[in-house]
Amino acid sequence: MNRQLTIPRTAISEFCRVHGIRELAIFGSAVRNDFNPDSDVDVLIELAPDARIGLVMLQRMRDELVSIFGRPVDLVTRHGLNRHIRDQVLREAEVIHAE
């Protein structure tokens, strides 16, 4: 994980508890050497089996993560990963919260 990115673990744990998230990971530049002060944080979530969210809730969750990380966030569910990049994302993702 990149040292330029601060992970507020308590806030992340609470966020995951409130939203029924089983696992939250970061990927992309946040886990590579090309992360910089202008980089966004790519976040991958896996929801609990009984959790249901729509696009509006996903946007609200992204906005909450922007506040938590203090920088732009791209949020994607494991189910919503593009099949062309899925393997790469799953290979490089670093889990920062898991139940």
C-alpha atoms as a PDB file:
ATOM      1  CA  MET A   1       0.000   0.000   0.000  1.00  0.00           C
ATOM      2  CA  ASN A   2       1.219   3.485  -0.765  1.00  0.00           C
ATOM      3  CA  ARG A   3       2.510   5.480   2.199  1.00  0.00           C
ATOM      4  CA  GLN A   4       1.021   8.724   0.855  1.00  0.00           C
ATOM      5  CA  LEU A   5      -2.479   7.392   1.536  1.00  0.00           C
ATOM      6  CA  THR A   6      -3.770   7.496   5.090  1.00  0.00           C
ATOM      7  CA  ILE A   7      -6.260   4.733   5.875  1.00  0.00           C
ATOM      8  CA  PRO A   8      -8.691   5.849   8.617  1.00  0.00           C
ATOM      9  CA  ARG A   9      -9.471   2.287   9.722  1.00  0.00           C
ATOM     10  CA  THR A  10     -12.008   3.170  12.416  1.00  0.00           C
ATOM     11  CA  ALA A  11     -14.063   5.253   9.983  1.00  0.00           C
ATOM     12  CA  ILE A  12     -13.774   2.533   7.323  1.00  0.00           C
ATOM     13  CA  SER A  13     -14.954  -0.148   9.763  1.00  0.00           C
ATOM     14  CA  GLU A  14     -17.964   1.947  10.772  1.00  0.00           C
ATOM     15  CA  PHE A  15     -18.756   2.717   7.120  1.00  0.00           C
ATOM     16  CA  CYS A  16     -18.685  -1.003   6.303  1.00  0.00           C
ATOM     17  CA  ARG A  17     -20.848  -1.913   9.292  1.00  0.00           C
ATOM     18  CA  VAL A  18     -23.497   0.690   8.417  1.00  0.00           C
ATOM     19  CA  HIS A  19     -23.676  -0.317   4.750  1.00  0.00           C
ATOM     20  CA  GLY A  20     -23.484  -4.098   5.061  1.00  0.00           C
ATOM     21  CA  ILE A  21     -20.076  -4.401   3.420  1.00  0.00           C
ATOM     22  CA  ARG A  22     -18.258  -7.692   3.999  1.00  0.00           C
ATOM     23  CA  GLU A  23     -14.999  -6.616   2.437  1.00  0.00           C
ATOM     24  CA  LEU A  24     -13.476  -3.319   1.339  1.00  0.00           C
ATOM     25  CA  ALA A  25     -10.242  -3.185  -0.642  1.00  0.00           C
ATOM     26  CA  ILE A  26      -8.270  -0.560  -2.490  1.00  0.00           C
ATOM     27  CA  PHE A  27      -6.604  -1.038  -5.851  1.00  0.00           C
ATOM     28  CA  GLY A  28      -5.067   0.999  -8.642  1.00  0.00           C
ATOM     29  CA  SER A  29      -2.472   3.694  -8.018  1.00  0.00           C
ATOM     30  CA  ALA A  30      -3.190   3.633  -4.257  1.00  0.00           C
ATOM     31  CA  VAL A  31      -1.397   0.274  -4.071  1.00  0.00           C
ATOM     32  CA  ARG A  32       1.238   1.000  -6.708  1.00  0.00           C
ATOM     33  CA  ASN A  33       4.153   3.395  -6.982  1.00  0.00           C
ATOM     34  CA  ASP A  34       2.330   5.848  -9.278  1.00  0.00           C
ATOM     35  CA  PHE A  35       0.070   7.278  -6.526  1.00  0.00           C
ATOM     36  CA  ASN A  36       0.442  11.043  -6.110  1.00  0.00           C
ATOM     37  CA  PRO A  37      -1.288  13.936  -4.298  1.00  0.00           C
ATOM     38  CA  ASP A  38      -3.791  14.304  -7.161  1.00  0.00           C
ATOM     39  CA  SER A  39      -4.664  10.599  -7.380  1.00  0.00           C
ATOM     40  CA  ASP A  40      -8.076   9.252  -6.564  1.00  0.00           C
ATOM     41  CA  VAL A  41      -8.650   6.145  -4.472  1.00  0.00           C
ATOM     42  CA  ASP A  42     -10.083   3.120  -6.258  1.00  0.00           C
ATOM     43  CA  VAL A  43     -12.286   1.193  -3.828  1.00  0.00           C
ATOM     44  CA  LEU A  44     -13.707  -2.291  -4.320  1.00  0.00           C
ATOM     45  CA  ILE A  45     -16.505  -3.519  -2.059  1.00  0.00           C
ATOM     46  CA  GLU A  46     -18.173  -6.854  -1.535  1.00  0.00           C
ATOM     47  CA  LEU A  47     -21.610  -6.617   0.014  1.00  0.00           C
ATOM     48  CA  ALA A  48     -23.139  -8.985   2.525  1.00  0.00           C
ATOM     49  CA  PRO A  49     -25.475 -11.482   0.805  1.00  0.00           C
ATOM     50  CA  ASP A  50     -28.589  -9.747   2.137  1.00  0.00           C
ATOM     51  CA  ALA A  51     -27.423  -6.188   1.325  1.00  0.00           C
ATOM     52  CA  ARG A  52     -29.185  -4.474  -1.554  1.00  0.00           C
ATOM     53  CA  ILE A  53     -28.115  -1.130  -2.953  1.00  0.00           C
ATOM     54  CA  GLY A  54     -29.122   0.886  -5.964  1.00  0.00           C
ATOM     55  CA  LEU A  55     -27.264   3.525  -7.920  1.00  0.00           C
ATOM     56  CA  VAL A  56     -28.371   6.347  -5.622  1.00  0.00           C
ATOM     57  CA  MET A  57     -27.069   4.525  -2.540  1.00  0.00           C
ATOM     58  CA  LEU A  58     -23.841   3.658  -4.329  1.00  0.00           C
ATOM     59  CA  GLN A  59     -23.355   7.371  -5.084  1.00  0.00           C
ATOM     60  CA  ARG A  60     -24.011   8.276  -1.433  1.00  0.00           C
ATOM     61  CA  MET A  61     -21.515   5.660  -0.331  1.00  0.00           C
ATOM     62  CA  ARG A  62     -18.935   7.089  -2.728  1.00  0.00           C
ATOM     63  CA  ASP A  63     -19.555  10.565  -1.304  1.00  0.00           C
ATOM     64  CA  GLU A  64     -19.020   9.231   2.230  1.00  0.00           C
ATOM     65  CA  LEU A  65     -15.742   7.647   1.157  1.00  0.00           C
ATOM     66  CA  VAL A  66     -14.626  10.950  -0.385  1.00  0.00           C
ATOM     67  CA  SER A  67     -15.114  12.512   3.055  1.00  0.00           C
ATOM     68  CA  ILE A  68     -13.319   9.650   4.796  1.00  0.00           C
ATOM     69  CA  PHE A  69     -10.282   9.631   2.484  1.00  0.00           C
ATOM     70  CA  GLY A  70     -10.235  13.366   1.791  1.00  0.00           C
ATOM     71  CA  ARG A  71      -9.761  12.857  -1.947  1.00  0.00           C
ATOM     72  CA  PRO A  72     -11.762  11.663  -4.976  1.00  0.00           C
ATOM     73  CA  VAL A  73     -12.938   8.050  -4.904  1.00  0.00           C
ATOM     74  CA  ASP A  74     -13.961   5.602  -7.607  1.00  0.00           C
ATOM     75  CA  LEU A  75     -16.234   2.982  -6.049  1.00  0.00           C
ATOM     76  CA  VAL A  76     -17.087  -0.353  -7.619  1.00  0.00           C
ATOM     77  CA  THR A  77     -18.739  -3.488  -6.322  1.00  0.00           C
ATOM     78  CA  ARG A  78     -17.084  -6.843  -6.886  1.00  0.00           C
ATOM     79  CA  HIS A  79     -20.129  -7.825  -8.924  1.00  0.00           C
ATOM     80  CA  GLY A  80     -19.840  -4.647 -11.011  1.00  0.00           C
ATOM     81  CA  LEU A  81     -16.213  -5.094 -12.053  1.00  0.00           C
ATOM     82  CA  ASN A  82     -15.605  -4.855 -15.774  1.00  0.00           C
ATOM     83  CA  ARG A  83     -14.724  -8.335 -16.999  1.00  0.00           C
ATOM     84  CA  HIS A  84     -11.770  -6.956 -18.988  1.00  0.00           C
ATOM     85  CA  ILE A  85      -9.983  -5.694 -15.869  1.00  0.00           C
ATOM     86  CA  ARG A  86     -11.462  -8.007 -13.232  1.00  0.00           C
ATOM     87  CA  ASP A  87      -8.483 -10.353 -12.884  1.00  0.00           C
ATOM     88  CA  GLN A  88      -5.982  -7.486 -12.651  1.00  0.00           C
ATOM     89  CA  VAL A  89      -8.068  -5.638 -10.043  1.00  0.00           C
ATOM     90  CA  LEU A  90      -8.540  -8.742  -7.912  1.00  0.00           C
ATOM     91  CA  ARG A  91      -4.828  -9.551  -8.151  1.00  0.00           C
ATOM     92  CA  GLU A  92      -3.660  -6.128  -6.967  1.00  0.00           C
ATOM     93  CA  ALA A  93      -6.450  -5.275  -4.503  1.00  0.00           C
ATOM     94  CA  GLU A  94      -5.395  -4.845  -0.877  1.00  0.00           C
ATOM     95  CA  VAL A  95      -8.096  -5.579   1.674  1.00  0.00           C
ATOM     96  CA  ILE A  96      -8.384  -2.937   4.385  1.00  0.00           C
ATOM     97  CA  HIS A  97     -11.581  -4.247   5.989  1.00  0.00           C
ATOM     98  CA  ALA A  98     -13.043  -7.740   6.127  1.00  0.00           C
ATOM     99  CA  GLU A  99     -15.610  -9.435   8.316  1.00  0.00           C
END
